[in-house]
């Protein structure tokens, strides 16, 4: 029977693991050394007021110094290629929102209010006037007939005879 895979390869892995630990320590020492060197160099250049070293380094390095001092102009490039086109697109969408979307909404609002005024005027001067006109006509007619209704039967009989006489006269005059 063959040994498990972990046991077969254990001897080859032990040296690599040990080497990896030393590599980590080496990288940590180099990183700390770079940081301390940068701090000491910055102290030498900028720690003493009026030191001529920054101007000398800028003159000696020329375009390379301007490139690094300008931070490779990444911000300017990002502004020109991303931010400004995005702002232009935002202005287009703002115009669309204000003049098309809001215009449609406000136009619908104005139409609705206009139709409500027309509906109110038609209701007030058409429907209400017709209904109230019929009511006023019946009220006026009822006032006339209330005056005629006295409760005296003889006056009702006299009115019927008079009405019959008027109708008969009209018939004889108009339809000879």
Foldseek 3Di string as FASTA:
>chain_A
DDDDPCVVCVVVVVVVVVVVVVVVVVVVVVVVVVVVVVVVVCCVQPVDPPDCVVVVVCVVVPPVVVCVVCVVVPVVVCCVPPVVVVVVVVVVVVCCCVCPVVVVVVVVVVVVVVVVVVVVCCCVVPVVCVVVVVVVVVVVVVVVVVVQPDPDVVSVVVVVVVVVVVVVVCCVVPPD
